């Protein structure tokens, strides 16, 4: 009986602070404690820009496990939220500051990065720059006891927020960087339409540093995602591939749901987190059945 129960137990469930975006950092900590959430993805943008240390001390004392971090600036090249500075070297300096900050408090955490758009559409130069800059950043991450994970984005964000729009393209950068502190963050919303996704996930194996879960219906805006199981993503299939790859980390709920949209999931964070956790556990039980 014990063995059966263990096989059905869902892996660590976490929540990104993007899922509760309208709330403050302090409100998030209170909500997660009330709901029994044990794993958190920190959004640096929710921290005080001047001196975030008191908030990080409070987080450290809360007992929440910081599995991943969304840095204030997290793209190699300019993206929609952070178009400046334009130079990738300057952007990587800012990302290195985030690495140093979170390495002090949460060793073992993974900082998430996206590529940004290829300047002038020059993909050849973009790949070369990514290999060079991420290799140096990975060394800094290793020195501070954390990791960097590149997240490929859905093709609808090509030339806006990314030039890395598939698992294969992300793997190309990871192989070029060739550093143990540099891997991939898999977001099912971004990769689910790729017919080769399951096979590529299994091949990526130990280079998967984190997973975002959510669901997809044809977006009404850039920030429009759904509770797991309420959209079109074949989650059981993808999550099984992730499990079979050997990944043993947290599955982090990341939902963007702009308040101007009808039925926004940001309007009731407690309900969104509660329903998503139940849905995730139900999907996981389908995998283990």
C-alpha atoms as a PDB file:
ATOM      1  CA  UNK A   1       0.000   0.000   0.000  1.00  0.00           C
ATOM      2  CA  UNK A   2       2.819   2.380   0.852  1.00  0.00           C
ATOM      3  CA  UNK A   3       4.544   1.785  -2.494  1.00  0.00           C
ATOM      4  CA  UNK A   4       1.346   2.492  -4.419  1.00  0.00           C
ATOM      5  CA  UNK A   5       0.705   5.692  -2.509  1.00  0.00           C
ATOM      6  CA  UNK A   6       4.274   6.823  -3.153  1.00  0.00           C
ATOM      7  CA  UNK A   7       4.007   6.192  -6.900  1.00  0.00           C
ATOM      8  CA  UNK A   8       0.861   8.324  -7.096  1.00  0.00           C
ATOM      9  CA  UNK A   9       2.236  11.209  -5.038  1.00  0.00           C
ATOM     10  CA  UNK A  10       2.585  14.350  -7.119  1.00  0.00           C
ATOM     11  CA  UNK A  11       6.042  15.963  -7.347  1.00  0.00           C
ATOM     12  CA  UNK A  12       6.760  19.376  -5.810  1.00  0.00           C
ATOM     13  CA  UNK A  13       4.199  22.003  -6.822  1.00  0.00           C
ATOM     14  CA  UNK A  14       5.311  25.611  -6.885  1.00  0.00           C
ATOM     15  CA  UNK A  15       3.840  28.999  -7.726  1.00  0.00           C
ATOM     16  CA  UNK A  16       5.430  31.830  -9.658  1.00  0.00           C
ATOM     17  CA  UNK A  17       4.750  35.319  -8.381  1.00  0.00           C
ATOM     18  CA  UNK A  18       3.627  36.142 -11.915  1.00  0.00           C
ATOM     19  CA  UNK A  19       0.574  33.979 -11.151  1.00  0.00           C
ATOM     20  CA  UNK A  20      -0.382  36.392  -8.366  1.00  0.00           C
ATOM     21  CA  UNK A  21       0.877  39.505 -10.124  1.00  0.00           C
ATOM     22  CA  UNK A  22      -1.598  42.114  -8.737  1.00  0.00           C
ATOM     23  CA  UNK A  23      -0.556  41.228  -5.179  1.00  0.00           C
ATOM     24  CA  UNK A  24       2.434  42.605  -3.317  1.00  0.00           C
ATOM     25  CA  UNK A  25       5.410  40.490  -2.328  1.00  0.00           C
ATOM     26  CA  UNK A  26       4.153  40.409   1.256  1.00  0.00           C
ATOM     27  CA  UNK A  27       0.636  39.395   0.207  1.00  0.00           C
ATOM     28  CA  UNK A  28       2.122  36.531  -1.782  1.00  0.00           C
ATOM     29  CA  UNK A  29       4.011  35.192   1.220  1.00  0.00           C
ATOM     30  CA  UNK A  30       0.852  35.324   3.344  1.00  0.00           C
ATOM     31  CA  UNK A  31      -1.237  33.587   0.655  1.00  0.00           C
ATOM     32  CA  UNK A  32       1.286  30.837   0.013  1.00  0.00           C
ATOM     33  CA  UNK A  33       1.607  30.164   3.724  1.00  0.00           C
ATOM     34  CA  UNK A  34      -2.184  30.004   4.100  1.00  0.00           C
ATOM     35  CA  UNK A  35      -2.503  27.580   1.165  1.00  0.00           C
ATOM     36  CA  UNK A  36       0.407  25.374   2.177  1.00  0.00           C
ATOM     37  CA  UNK A  37       2.441  26.187  -0.935  1.00  0.00           C
ATOM     38  CA  UNK A  38       6.013  25.092  -0.293  1.00  0.00           C
ATOM     39  CA  UNK A  39       7.851  26.198  -3.451  1.00  0.00           C
ATOM     40  CA  UNK A  40       8.039  29.685  -4.913  1.00  0.00           C
ATOM     41  CA  UNK A  41       9.370  31.319  -8.057  1.00  0.00           C
ATOM     42  CA  UNK A  42      10.383  34.819  -7.051  1.00  0.00           C
ATOM     43  CA  UNK A  43       9.743  37.753  -9.366  1.00  0.00           C
ATOM     44  CA  UNK A  44      12.452  40.295  -8.627  1.00  0.00           C
ATOM     45  CA  UNK A  45      10.200  43.071  -9.939  1.00  0.00           C
ATOM     46  CA  UNK A  46       8.061  42.622  -6.804  1.00  0.00           C
ATOM     47  CA  UNK A  47      11.007  43.467  -4.569  1.00  0.00           C
ATOM     48  CA  UNK A  48      11.991  46.948  -3.452  1.00  0.00           C
ATOM     49  CA  UNK A  49      14.409  48.286  -6.049  1.00  0.00           C
ATOM     50  CA  UNK A  50      16.467  50.202  -3.496  1.00  0.00           C
ATOM     51  CA  UNK A  51      17.084  47.601  -0.805  1.00  0.00           C
ATOM     52  CA  UNK A  52      15.371  44.216  -1.219  1.00  0.00           C
ATOM     53  CA  UNK A  53      17.330  42.573   1.590  1.00  0.00           C
ATOM     54  CA  UNK A  54      14.635  42.876   4.314  1.00  0.00           C
ATOM     55  CA  UNK A  55      12.122  41.185   2.002  1.00  0.00           C
ATOM     56  CA  UNK A  56      14.581  38.440   1.101  1.00  0.00           C
ATOM     57  CA  UNK A  57      15.318  37.877   4.780  1.00  0.00           C
ATOM     58  CA  UNK A  58      11.585  37.577   5.409  1.00  0.00           C
ATOM     59  CA  UNK A  59      11.275  35.091   2.560  1.00  0.00           C
ATOM     60  CA  UNK A  60      14.201  33.061   3.830  1.00  0.00           C
ATOM     61  CA  UNK A  61      12.634  32.916   7.311  1.00  0.00           C
ATOM     62  CA  UNK A  62       9.247  31.875   5.884  1.00  0.00           C
ATOM     63  CA  UNK A  63      10.379  28.341   5.084  1.00  0.00           C
ATOM     64  CA  UNK A  64       9.326  28.648   1.442  1.00  0.00           C
ATOM     65  CA  UNK A  65      11.771  26.973  -0.930  1.00  0.00           C
ATOM     66  CA  UNK A  66      12.924  29.274  -3.712  1.00  0.00           C
ATOM     67  CA  UNK A  67      13.212  26.978  -6.706  1.00  0.00           C
ATOM     68  CA  UNK A  68      13.524  29.655  -9.385  1.00  0.00           C
ATOM     69  CA  UNK A  69      13.812  33.391  -9.869  1.00  0.00           C
ATOM     70  CA  UNK A  70      12.552  35.725 -12.581  1.00  0.00           C
ATOM     71  CA  UNK A  71      15.177  38.495 -12.600  1.00  0.00           C
ATOM     72  CA  UNK A  72      14.117  42.115 -12.999  1.00  0.00           C
ATOM     73  CA  UNK A  73      15.888  42.095 -16.364  1.00  0.00           C
ATOM     74  CA  UNK A  74      16.109  38.598 -17.758  1.00  0.00           C
ATOM     75  CA  UNK A  75      16.708  38.757 -21.515  1.00  0.00           C
ATOM     76  CA  UNK A  76      19.979  38.819 -23.447  1.00  0.00           C
ATOM     77  CA  UNK A  77      18.607  41.217 -26.057  1.00  0.00           C
ATOM     78  CA  UNK A  78      15.818  43.798 -25.600  1.00  0.00           C
ATOM     79  CA  UNK A  79      12.303  42.495 -25.006  1.00  0.00           C
ATOM     80  CA  UNK A  80       8.935  44.185 -24.455  1.00  0.00           C
ATOM     81  CA  UNK A  81       9.194  44.733 -20.686  1.00  0.00           C
ATOM     82  CA  UNK A  82      12.848  45.858 -20.698  1.00  0.00           C
ATOM     83  CA  UNK A  83      13.950  47.476 -23.991  1.00  0.00           C
ATOM     84  CA  UNK A  84      16.880  49.252 -22.311  1.00  0.00           C
ATOM     85  CA  UNK A  85      19.808  48.993 -22.150  1.00  0.00           C
ATOM     86  CA  UNK A  86      20.171  47.757 -25.716  1.00  0.00           C
ATOM     87  CA  UNK A  87      23.693  46.307 -25.530  1.00  0.00           C
ATOM     88  CA  UNK A  88      23.732  42.639 -24.473  1.00  0.00           C
ATOM     89  CA  UNK A  89      26.895  43.160 -22.418  1.00  0.00           C
ATOM     90  CA  UNK A  90      25.141  45.819 -20.320  1.00  0.00           C
ATOM     91  CA  UNK A  91      22.091  43.628 -19.932  1.00  0.00           C
ATOM     92  CA  UNK A  92      24.215  40.707 -18.758  1.00  0.00           C
ATOM     93  CA  UNK A  93      25.859  42.949 -16.147  1.00  0.00           C
ATOM     94  CA  UNK A  94      22.425  43.617 -14.685  1.00  0.00           C
ATOM     95  CA  UNK A  95      21.551  39.927 -14.774  1.00  0.00           C
ATOM     96  CA  UNK A  96      24.860  39.167 -13.047  1.00  0.00           C
ATOM     97  CA  UNK A  97      23.810  41.533 -10.231  1.00  0.00           C
ATOM     98  CA  UNK A  98      20.639  39.476  -9.776  1.00  0.00           C
ATOM     99  CA  UNK A  99      22.741  36.308  -9.694  1.00  0.00           C
ATOM    100  CA  UNK A 100      24.942  37.763  -6.967  1.00  0.00           C
ATOM    101  CA  UNK A 101      21.937  38.929  -4.938  1.00  0.00           C
ATOM    102  CA  UNK A 102      19.984  35.676  -4.989  1.00  0.00           C
ATOM    103  CA  UNK A 103      23.091  33.559  -4.633  1.00  0.00           C
ATOM    104  CA  UNK A 104      23.603  35.142  -1.208  1.00  0.00           C
ATOM    105  CA  UNK A 105      20.187  34.059   0.007  1.00  0.00           C
ATOM    106  CA  UNK A 106      19.070  31.044  -2.013  1.00  0.00           C
ATOM    107  CA  UNK A 107      21.934  28.866  -3.252  1.00  0.00           C
ATOM    108  CA  UNK A 108      20.699  26.158  -5.582  1.00  0.00           C
ATOM    109  CA  UNK A 109      17.995  28.335  -7.145  1.00  0.00           C
ATOM    110  CA  UNK A 110      17.647  28.692 -10.911  1.00  0.00           C
ATOM    111  CA  UNK A 111      17.439  32.113 -12.540  1.00  0.00           C
ATOM    112  CA  UNK A 112      15.314  32.177 -15.691  1.00  0.00           C
ATOM    113  CA  UNK A 113      16.444  33.958 -18.854  1.00  0.00           C
ATOM    114  CA  UNK A 114      14.909  34.477 -22.279  1.00  0.00           C
ATOM    115  CA  UNK A 115      16.811  35.463 -25.390  1.00  0.00           C
ATOM    116  CA  UNK A 116      15.045  38.649 -26.427  1.00  0.00           C
ATOM    117  CA  UNK A 117      14.647  39.437 -30.126  1.00  0.00           C
ATOM    118  CA  UNK A 118      17.574  39.071 -32.538  1.00  0.00           C
ATOM    119  CA  UNK A 119      18.784  42.635 -33.299  1.00  0.00           C
ATOM    120  CA  UNK A 120      18.041  43.522 -36.897  1.00  0.00           C
ATOM    121  CA  UNK A 121      16.878  39.966 -37.508  1.00  0.00           C
ATOM    122  CA  UNK A 122      20.488  38.738 -37.549  1.00  0.00           C
ATOM    123  CA  UNK A 123      20.011  35.249 -36.122  1.00  0.00           C
ATOM    124  CA  UNK A 124      23.558  34.160 -36.951  1.00  0.00           C
ATOM    125  CA  UNK A 125      25.059  36.921 -34.801  1.00  0.00           C
ATOM    126  CA  UNK A 126      22.396  36.386 -32.131  1.00  0.00           C
ATOM    127  CA  UNK A 127      23.391  32.742 -31.662  1.00  0.00           C
ATOM    128  CA  UNK A 128      27.085  33.641 -31.477  1.00  0.00           C
ATOM    129  CA  UNK A 129      26.393  36.376 -28.944  1.00  0.00           C
ATOM    130  CA  UNK A 130      24.190  34.051 -26.868  1.00  0.00           C
ATOM    131  CA  UNK A 131      26.909  31.406 -26.691  1.00  0.00           C
ATOM    132  CA  UNK A 132      29.537  33.926 -25.648  1.00  0.00           C
ATOM    133  CA  UNK A 133      27.521  35.920 -23.115  1.00  0.00           C
ATOM    134  CA  UNK A 134      25.711  32.999 -21.503  1.00  0.00           C
ATOM    135  CA  UNK A 135      28.989  31.099 -21.129  1.00  0.00           C
ATOM    136  CA  UNK A 136      30.420  33.942 -19.057  1.00  0.00           C
ATOM    137  CA  UNK A 137      27.183  34.306 -17.126  1.00  0.00           C
ATOM    138  CA  UNK A 138      27.159  30.581 -16.333  1.00  0.00           C
ATOM    139  CA  UNK A 139      30.596  30.919 -14.767  1.00  0.00           C
ATOM    140  CA  UNK A 140      29.313  33.724 -12.551  1.00  0.00           C
ATOM    141  CA  UNK A 141      26.258  31.657 -11.611  1.00  0.00           C
ATOM    142  CA  UNK A 142      28.416  28.678 -10.673  1.00  0.00           C
ATOM    143  CA  UNK A 143      30.629  30.902  -8.508  1.00  0.00           C
ATOM    144  CA  UNK A 144      27.531  32.051  -6.612  1.00  0.00           C
ATOM    145  CA  UNK A 145      25.937  28.631  -6.208  1.00  0.00           C
ATOM    146  CA  UNK A 146      22.999  29.142  -8.574  1.00  0.00           C
ATOM    147  CA  UNK A 147      22.108  28.171 -12.153  1.00  0.00           C
ATOM    148  CA  UNK A 148      20.828  29.863 -15.311  1.00  0.00           C
ATOM    149  CA  UNK A 149      18.070  28.367 -17.458  1.00  0.00           C
ATOM    150  CA  UNK A 150      17.153  29.535 -20.952  1.00  0.00           C
ATOM    151  CA  UNK A 151      13.417  29.429 -21.624  1.00  0.00           C
ATOM    152  CA  UNK A 152      12.306  29.006 -25.253  1.00  0.00           C
ATOM    153  CA  UNK A 153       9.141  30.966 -26.022  1.00  0.00           C
ATOM    154  CA  UNK A 154       6.181  30.302 -28.282  1.00  0.00           C
ATOM    155  CA  UNK A 155       6.608  31.439 -31.915  1.00  0.00           C
ATOM    156  CA  UNK A 156       3.889  34.076 -31.437  1.00  0.00           C
ATOM    157  CA  UNK A 157       6.564  36.024 -29.524  1.00  0.00           C
ATOM    158  CA  UNK A 158       9.222  35.732 -32.250  1.00  0.00           C
ATOM    159  CA  UNK A 159      10.915  39.044 -33.087  1.00  0.00           C
ATOM    160  CA  UNK A 160       9.184  40.571 -30.053  1.00  0.00           C
ATOM    161  CA  UNK A 161      10.574  38.826 -26.986  1.00  0.00           C
ATOM    162  CA  UNK A 162      12.674  35.997 -28.404  1.00  0.00           C
ATOM    163  CA  UNK A 163      14.604  34.430 -31.237  1.00  0.00           C
ATOM    164  CA  UNK A 164      14.573  31.055 -29.437  1.00  0.00           C
ATOM    165  CA  UNK A 165      11.183  29.541 -30.271  1.00  0.00           C
ATOM    166  CA  UNK A 166      11.686  25.808 -29.819  1.00  0.00           C
ATOM    167  CA  UNK A 167      13.336  23.210 -27.624  1.00  0.00           C
ATOM    168  CA  UNK A 168      15.755  22.402 -30.446  1.00  0.00           C
ATOM    169  CA  UNK A 169      16.848  26.035 -30.737  1.00  0.00           C
ATOM    170  CA  UNK A 170      17.322  26.285 -26.968  1.00  0.00           C
ATOM    171  CA  UNK A 171      19.373  23.084 -27.015  1.00  0.00           C
ATOM    172  CA  UNK A 172      21.573  24.592 -29.707  1.00  0.00           C
ATOM    173  CA  UNK A 173      22.491  27.426 -27.329  1.00  0.00           C
ATOM    174  CA  UNK A 174      22.912  25.074 -24.366  1.00  0.00           C
ATOM    175  CA  UNK A 175      25.286  22.869 -26.342  1.00  0.00           C
ATOM    176  CA  UNK A 176      27.269  25.913 -27.475  1.00  0.00           C
ATOM    177  CA  UNK A 177      27.575  27.242 -23.930  1.00  0.00           C
ATOM    178  CA  UNK A 178      28.493  23.773 -22.641  1.00  0.00           C
ATOM    179  CA  UNK A 179      28.514  24.605 -18.936  1.00  0.00           C
ATOM    180  CA  UNK A 180      26.920  22.619 -16.073  1.00  0.00           C
ATOM    181  CA  UNK A 181      25.328  25.757 -14.600  1.00  0.00           C
ATOM    182  CA  UNK A 182      23.449  26.527 -17.840  1.00  0.00           C
ATOM    183  CA  UNK A 183      20.355  24.600 -18.854  1.00  0.00           C
ATOM    184  CA  UNK A 184      16.743  24.901 -19.958  1.00  0.00           C
ATOM    185  CA  UNK A 185      13.457  25.982 -18.415  1.00  0.00           C
ATOM    186  CA  UNK A 186      10.517  24.191 -20.047  1.00  0.00           C
ATOM    187  CA  UNK A 187       7.199  26.042 -20.158  1.00  0.00           C
ATOM    188  CA  UNK A 188       4.432  23.835 -21.561  1.00  0.00           C
ATOM    189  CA  UNK A 189       2.534  26.869 -22.902  1.00  0.00           C
ATOM    190  CA  UNK A 190       5.452  27.717 -25.138  1.00  0.00           C
ATOM    191  CA  UNK A 191       6.378  24.293 -26.507  1.00  0.00           C
ATOM    192  CA  UNK A 192       3.206  22.197 -26.624  1.00  0.00           C
ATOM    193  CA  UNK A 193       2.560  22.618 -30.369  1.00  0.00           C
ATOM    194  CA  UNK A 194       5.978  21.211 -31.275  1.00  0.00           C
ATOM    195  CA  UNK A 195       5.383  17.644 -32.497  1.00  0.00           C
ATOM    196  CA  UNK A 196       8.902  16.669 -31.433  1.00  0.00           C
ATOM    197  CA  UNK A 197       8.515  18.142 -27.929  1.00  0.00           C
ATOM    198  CA  UNK A 198       8.226  14.878 -25.998  1.00  0.00           C
ATOM    199  CA  UNK A 199      11.240  13.301 -27.680  1.00  0.00           C
ATOM    200  CA  UNK A 200      13.349  16.435 -27.271  1.00  0.00           C
ATOM    201  CA  UNK A 201      12.369  16.698 -23.608  1.00  0.00           C
ATOM    202  CA  UNK A 202      13.495  13.141 -22.981  1.00  0.00           C
ATOM    203  CA  UNK A 203      16.791  13.831 -24.748  1.00  0.00           C
ATOM    204  CA  UNK A 204      17.384  17.019 -22.753  1.00  0.00           C
ATOM    205  CA  UNK A 205      17.225  15.083 -19.492  1.00  0.00           C
ATOM    206  CA  UNK A 206      19.487  16.506 -16.793  1.00  0.00           C
ATOM    207  CA  UNK A 207      19.708  19.883 -18.541  1.00  0.00           C
ATOM    208  CA  UNK A 208      16.111  20.688 -17.604  1.00  0.00           C
ATOM    209  CA  UNK A 209      16.424  23.007 -14.595  1.00  0.00           C
ATOM    210  CA  UNK A 210      12.760  23.936 -14.174  1.00  0.00           C
ATOM    211  CA  UNK A 211       9.210  23.554 -15.490  1.00  0.00           C
ATOM    212  CA  UNK A 212       6.311  25.999 -15.851  1.00  0.00           C
ATOM    213  CA  UNK A 213       2.777  24.606 -15.997  1.00  0.00           C
ATOM    214  CA  UNK A 214      -0.407  26.294 -17.248  1.00  0.00           C
ATOM    215  CA  UNK A 215      -2.773  25.794 -20.183  1.00  0.00           C
ATOM    216  CA  UNK A 216      -3.570  27.262 -23.584  1.00  0.00           C
ATOM    217  CA  UNK A 217      -6.555  28.546 -25.476  1.00  0.00           C
ATOM    218  CA  UNK A 218      -6.084  30.909 -28.406  1.00  0.00           C
ATOM    219  CA  UNK A 219      -4.759  33.981 -26.579  1.00  0.00           C
ATOM    220  CA  UNK A 220      -6.766  37.178 -26.362  1.00  0.00           C
ATOM    221  CA  UNK A 221      -3.604  39.063 -25.355  1.00  0.00           C
ATOM    222  CA  UNK A 222       0.068  38.298 -24.649  1.00  0.00           C
ATOM    223  CA  UNK A 223      -0.897  37.674 -21.020  1.00  0.00           C
ATOM    224  CA  UNK A 224      -3.720  35.141 -21.313  1.00  0.00           C
ATOM    225  CA  UNK A 225      -3.230  31.633 -19.930  1.00  0.00           C
ATOM    226  CA  UNK A 226      -5.470  29.062 -18.291  1.00  0.00           C
ATOM    227  CA  UNK A 227      -5.657  26.717 -15.333  1.00  0.00           C
ATOM    228  CA  UNK A 228      -4.070  23.323 -16.104  1.00  0.00           C
ATOM    229  CA  UNK A 229      -6.621  20.991 -17.664  1.00  0.00           C
ATOM    230  CA  UNK A 230      -8.914  23.797 -18.890  1.00  0.00           C
ATOM    231  CA  UNK A 231      -7.249  24.321 -22.256  1.00  0.00           C
ATOM    232  CA  UNK A 232      -5.825  22.426 -25.197  1.00  0.00           C
ATOM    233  CA  UNK A 233      -2.361  21.404 -24.007  1.00  0.00           C
ATOM    234  CA  UNK A 234      -1.903  17.600 -23.763  1.00  0.00           C
ATOM    235  CA  UNK A 235      -0.513  18.010 -20.272  1.00  0.00           C
ATOM    236  CA  UNK A 236      -0.467  14.366 -19.242  1.00  0.00           C
ATOM    237  CA  UNK A 237       1.637  13.490 -22.286  1.00  0.00           C
ATOM    238  CA  UNK A 238       4.092  16.359 -21.777  1.00  0.00           C
ATOM    239  CA  UNK A 239       4.411  15.922 -18.025  1.00  0.00           C
ATOM    240  CA  UNK A 240       5.059  12.223 -18.511  1.00  0.00           C
ATOM    241  CA  UNK A 241       7.868  13.047 -20.939  1.00  0.00           C
ATOM    242  CA  UNK A 242       9.330  15.490 -18.420  1.00  0.00           C
ATOM    243  CA  UNK A 243       9.133  12.873 -15.668  1.00  0.00           C
ATOM    244  CA  UNK A 244      10.686  10.233 -17.924  1.00  0.00           C
ATOM    245  CA  UNK A 245      13.572  12.597 -18.728  1.00  0.00           C
ATOM    246  CA  UNK A 246      14.684  12.194 -15.130  1.00  0.00           C
ATOM    247  CA  UNK A 247      13.586  15.655 -13.992  1.00  0.00           C
ATOM    248  CA  UNK A 248      12.798  15.663 -10.255  1.00  0.00           C
ATOM    249  CA  UNK A 249      12.326  19.374  -9.532  1.00  0.00           C
ATOM    250  CA  UNK A 250       9.298  21.557  -8.946  1.00  0.00           C
ATOM    251  CA  UNK A 251       6.431  22.068 -11.366  1.00  0.00           C
ATOM    252  CA  UNK A 252       5.757  25.786 -11.076  1.00  0.00           C
ATOM    253  CA  UNK A 253       2.423  27.376 -11.892  1.00  0.00           C
ATOM    254  CA  UNK A 254       2.969  30.433 -14.094  1.00  0.00           C
ATOM    255  CA  UNK A 255      -0.204  32.124 -15.272  1.00  0.00           C
ATOM    256  CA  UNK A 256      -0.488  35.493 -16.967  1.00  0.00           C
ATOM    257  CA  UNK A 257      -4.080  36.713 -17.042  1.00  0.00           C
ATOM    258  CA  UNK A 258      -4.515  40.415 -17.657  1.00  0.00           C
ATOM    259  CA  UNK A 259      -7.171  42.048 -15.482  1.00  0.00           C
ATOM    260  CA  UNK A 260      -8.755  43.753 -18.486  1.00  0.00           C
ATOM    261  CA  UNK A 261      -9.709  40.355 -19.886  1.00  0.00           C
ATOM    262  CA  UNK A 262     -13.014  38.720 -19.058  1.00  0.00           C
ATOM    263  CA  UNK A 263     -12.648  36.046 -16.393  1.00  0.00           C
ATOM    264  CA  UNK A 264      -9.110  37.079 -15.494  1.00  0.00           C
ATOM    265  CA  UNK A 265      -7.383  34.534 -13.251  1.00  0.00           C
ATOM    266  CA  UNK A 266      -5.459  37.388 -11.633  1.00  0.00           C
ATOM    267  CA  UNK A 267      -8.709  38.651 -10.105  1.00  0.00           C
ATOM    268  CA  UNK A 268      -8.772  35.867  -7.489  1.00  0.00           C
ATOM    269  CA  UNK A 269      -5.252  34.539  -6.842  1.00  0.00           C
ATOM    270  CA  UNK A 270      -6.328  32.245  -4.024  1.00  0.00           C
ATOM    271  CA  UNK A 271      -8.892  30.490  -6.192  1.00  0.00           C
ATOM    272  CA  UNK A 272      -6.468  30.259  -9.127  1.00  0.00           C
ATOM    273  CA  UNK A 273      -3.694  28.673  -7.067  1.00  0.00           C
ATOM    274  CA  UNK A 274      -6.050  26.286  -5.256  1.00  0.00           C
ATOM    275  CA  UNK A 275      -7.782  25.054  -8.408  1.00  0.00           C
ATOM    276  CA  UNK A 276      -4.491  24.717 -10.281  1.00  0.00           C
ATOM    277  CA  UNK A 277      -2.868  22.637  -7.554  1.00  0.00           C
ATOM    278  CA  UNK A 278      -5.817  20.229  -7.525  1.00  0.00           C
ATOM    279  CA  UNK A 279      -5.819  20.060 -11.323  1.00  0.00           C
ATOM    280  CA  UNK A 280      -2.087  19.364 -11.447  1.00  0.00           C
ATOM    281  CA  UNK A 281      -2.387  16.529  -8.934  1.00  0.00           C
ATOM    282  CA  UNK A 282      -5.269  15.013 -10.908  1.00  0.00           C
ATOM    283  CA  UNK A 283      -3.258  15.136 -14.136  1.00  0.00           C
ATOM    284  CA  UNK A 284      -0.282  13.572 -12.382  1.00  0.00           C
ATOM    285  CA  UNK A 285      -2.484  10.731 -11.142  1.00  0.00           C
ATOM    286  CA  UNK A 286      -3.467  10.076 -14.779  1.00  0.00           C
ATOM    287  CA  UNK A 287       0.203   9.647 -15.603  1.00  0.00           C
ATOM    288  CA  UNK A 288       0.743   7.211 -12.743  1.00  0.00           C
ATOM    289  CA  UNK A 289      -2.455   5.221 -13.231  1.00  0.00           C
END
